[in-house]
């Protein structure tokens, strides 16, 4: 189930970059153990104005519940 969730979340994270006509980069890290699982996706791309944009998404699930956190940043 965690692998299916990771695949679906990766597809959702990659879709905006794939639609962008400019350059892009995606990387994903996963971890799963008996105490829970986590997925970290980093997406970077250059927008139409030449700004480099980054988005880090963190997905975690364990015995205490689940959480999602997104961090966005950019540079000119």
Protein backbone atom coordinates (compact mmCIF):
# COMPACT_ATOMS: atom_id res chain seq x y z
CA UNK A 1 0.00 0.00 0.00
CA UNK A 2 2.85 2.41 0.81
CA UNK A 3 4.41 1.73 -2.61
CA UNK A 4 1.11 2.51 -4.36
CA UNK A 5 0.75 5.72 -2.35
CA UNK A 6 4.33 6.72 -3.16
CA UNK A 7 3.78 6.08 -6.88
CA UNK A 8 0.57 8.11 -6.94
CA UNK A 9 2.11 11.00 -5.00
CA UNK A 10 5.18 11.01 -7.26
CA UNK A 11 2.95 11.18 -10.34
CA UNK A 12 1.03 14.13 -8.86
CA UNK A 13 4.25 15.95 -8.04
CA UNK A 14 5.80 15.38 -11.49
CA UNK A 15 2.74 16.43 -13.54
CA UNK A 16 3.17 20.23 -13.11
CA UNK A 17 6.83 20.04 -14.10
CA UNK A 18 6.09 17.82 -17.10
CA UNK A 19 3.56 20.39 -18.33
CA UNK A 20 6.13 23.18 -18.04
CA UNK A 21 7.90 23.90 -21.35
CA UNK A 22 11.06 25.00 -19.50
CA UNK A 23 13.69 22.89 -17.74
CA UNK A 24 12.83 20.79 -14.69
CA UNK A 25 14.28 18.36 -12.13
CA UNK A 26 12.57 15.83 -9.85
CA UNK A 27 13.99 13.55 -7.18
CA UNK A 28 12.23 11.38 -4.61
CA UNK A 29 13.36 9.61 -1.44
CA UNK A 30 11.32 6.96 0.37
CA UNK A 31 11.60 5.07 3.64
CA UNK A 32 9.40 2.38 5.14
CA UNK A 33 9.73 0.39 8.33
CA UNK A 34 7.50 -1.24 10.93
CA UNK A 35 7.14 2.17 12.64
CA UNK A 36 5.91 4.06 9.56
CA UNK A 37 6.85 5.40 6.17
CA UNK A 38 7.94 8.67 4.57
CA UNK A 39 8.24 10.19 1.12
CA UNK A 40 10.25 13.31 0.26
CA UNK A 41 9.88 14.80 -3.23
CA UNK A 42 12.04 17.67 -4.47
CA UNK A 43 10.99 19.47 -7.65
CA UNK A 44 12.98 22.28 -9.25
CA UNK A 45 12.23 24.16 -12.46
CA UNK A 46 12.81 27.43 -14.29
CA UNK A 47 9.66 29.45 -14.89
CA UNK A 48 8.90 31.67 -17.90
CA UNK A 49 10.47 34.69 -16.12
CA UNK A 50 13.79 32.90 -15.62
CA UNK A 51 13.34 32.36 -11.87
CA UNK A 52 14.42 29.03 -10.41
CA UNK A 53 11.65 27.57 -8.26
CA UNK A 54 11.87 24.73 -5.76
CA UNK A 55 9.22 22.69 -3.97
CA UNK A 56 9.98 20.11 -1.31
CA UNK A 57 7.06 17.92 -0.26
CA UNK A 58 7.23 15.69 2.81
CA UNK A 59 4.67 12.93 3.40
CA UNK A 60 4.83 10.85 6.59
CA UNK A 61 2.60 8.15 8.07
CA UNK A 62 2.97 6.13 11.23
CA UNK A 63 1.14 4.78 14.27
CA UNK A 64 0.33 8.31 15.49
CA UNK A 65 -1.18 9.49 12.20
CA UNK A 66 -0.12 11.10 8.94
CA UNK A 67 1.23 14.50 7.91
CA UNK A 68 2.01 16.48 4.78
CA UNK A 69 4.30 19.51 4.57
CA UNK A 70 5.29 21.61 1.54
CA UNK A 71 8.20 24.05 1.41
CA UNK A 72 8.43 26.43 -1.56
CA UNK A 73 11.37 28.66 -2.42
CA UNK A 74 12.79 30.49 -5.42
CA UNK A 75 15.83 32.39 -6.67
CA UNK A 76 16.36 34.89 -9.47
